[in-house]
């Protein structure tokens, strides 16, 4: 038996945390893609947990996937934390 969440459960969790918007600041698009912050191509493993996933619009997801070595994963984690803290303060 596994405790891994289904894709639908992951999508619902990320949607709730982000309010349906792309993780990138000032992006007003709704997200359509679940994106691994750290994936196997970055020296990690495909960690399918809400902590390692963010929602991105297609534009930002493609840019992130094409330029991962130039992006700082720490920024995505920080943006995610700010959004979650903002929701908890509501």
Protein backbone atom coordinates (compact mmCIF):
# COMPACT_ATOMS: atom_id res chain seq x y z
CA UNK A 1 0.00 0.00 0.00
CA UNK A 2 1.34 3.44 -0.90
CA UNK A 3 0.68 6.83 0.63
CA UNK A 4 1.40 8.64 -2.63
CA UNK A 5 -1.30 11.09 -3.62
CA UNK A 6 -3.05 10.69 -6.94
CA UNK A 7 -2.48 13.30 -9.64
CA UNK A 8 -5.95 14.69 -8.98
CA UNK A 9 -5.26 15.01 -5.24
CA UNK A 10 -1.97 16.77 -6.00
CA UNK A 11 -3.70 19.16 -8.40
CA UNK A 12 -6.38 19.98 -5.80
CA UNK A 13 -3.76 20.62 -3.09
CA UNK A 14 -1.65 22.90 -5.29
CA UNK A 15 -4.76 24.69 -6.55
CA UNK A 16 -5.88 25.38 -2.98
CA UNK A 17 -2.44 26.65 -1.92
CA UNK A 18 -2.03 28.93 -4.92
CA UNK A 19 -5.60 30.00 -5.45
CA UNK A 20 -5.45 28.73 -9.01
CA UNK A 21 -2.90 31.32 -10.17
CA UNK A 22 0.52 30.75 -11.70
CA UNK A 23 3.28 30.78 -9.07
CA UNK A 24 5.21 33.55 -10.87
CA UNK A 25 4.75 36.99 -9.30
CA UNK A 26 2.62 39.37 -11.35
CA UNK A 27 1.39 36.56 -13.61
CA UNK A 28 -2.39 36.76 -13.70
CA UNK A 29 -2.85 33.53 -15.65
CA UNK A 30 -4.44 30.49 -14.14
CA UNK A 31 -2.08 27.59 -13.92
CA UNK A 32 -2.61 24.55 -16.07
CA UNK A 33 0.54 22.54 -15.36
CA UNK A 34 1.94 20.88 -12.27
CA UNK A 35 5.67 21.49 -12.23
CA UNK A 36 8.35 19.71 -10.19
CA UNK A 37 10.57 22.27 -8.52
CA UNK A 38 13.35 19.68 -8.29
CA UNK A 39 13.09 16.83 -10.76
CA UNK A 40 15.30 13.91 -11.74
CA UNK A 41 17.06 16.02 -14.39
CA UNK A 42 18.28 18.34 -11.63
CA UNK A 43 19.96 15.66 -9.58
CA UNK A 44 16.91 14.75 -7.55
CA UNK A 45 14.17 12.24 -8.06
CA UNK A 46 10.67 12.92 -9.27
CA UNK A 47 9.25 13.70 -5.87
CA UNK A 48 5.47 13.68 -6.27
CA UNK A 49 4.61 15.54 -3.08
CA UNK A 50 2.89 18.89 -2.70
CA UNK A 51 6.11 20.32 -1.23
CA UNK A 52 7.94 19.75 -4.52
CA UNK A 53 5.16 20.86 -6.86
CA UNK A 54 3.89 24.24 -7.99
CA UNK A 55 1.29 25.29 -10.49
CA UNK A 56 2.44 27.26 -13.51
CA UNK A 57 0.81 28.62 -16.59
CA UNK A 58 2.00 26.94 -19.77
CA UNK A 59 4.23 29.93 -20.68
CA UNK A 60 6.18 29.89 -17.42
CA UNK A 61 6.35 26.09 -17.25
CA UNK A 62 7.92 25.89 -20.69
CA UNK A 63 10.38 28.63 -19.79
CA UNK A 64 11.28 26.89 -16.54
CA UNK A 65 11.78 23.52 -18.24
CA UNK A 66 13.92 25.04 -20.99
CA UNK A 67 16.12 27.10 -18.65
CA UNK A 68 16.25 25.18 -15.36
CA UNK A 69 19.93 25.67 -14.85
CA UNK A 70 19.45 29.43 -14.94
CA UNK A 71 16.52 29.48 -12.53
CA UNK A 72 16.96 29.37 -8.81
CA UNK A 73 14.77 26.70 -7.29
CA UNK A 74 15.00 28.56 -4.00
CA UNK A 75 12.92 31.35 -5.53
CA UNK A 76 10.11 28.95 -6.37
CA UNK A 77 10.17 27.55 -2.84
CA UNK A 78 10.18 31.11 -1.40
CA UNK A 79 7.30 32.26 -3.63
CA UNK A 80 5.35 29.16 -2.67
CA UNK A 81 5.94 29.78 1.04
CA UNK A 82 4.83 33.42 0.73
CA UNK A 83 1.60 32.36 -0.95
CA UNK A 84 0.90 29.70 1.70
CA UNK A 85 1.63 32.15 4.54
CA UNK A 86 -0.68 34.70 2.92
CA UNK A 87 -3.51 32.18 2.78
CA UNK A 88 -3.01 31.22 6.43
CA UNK A 89 -3.27 34.87 7.42
CA UNK A 90 -6.66 35.27 5.73
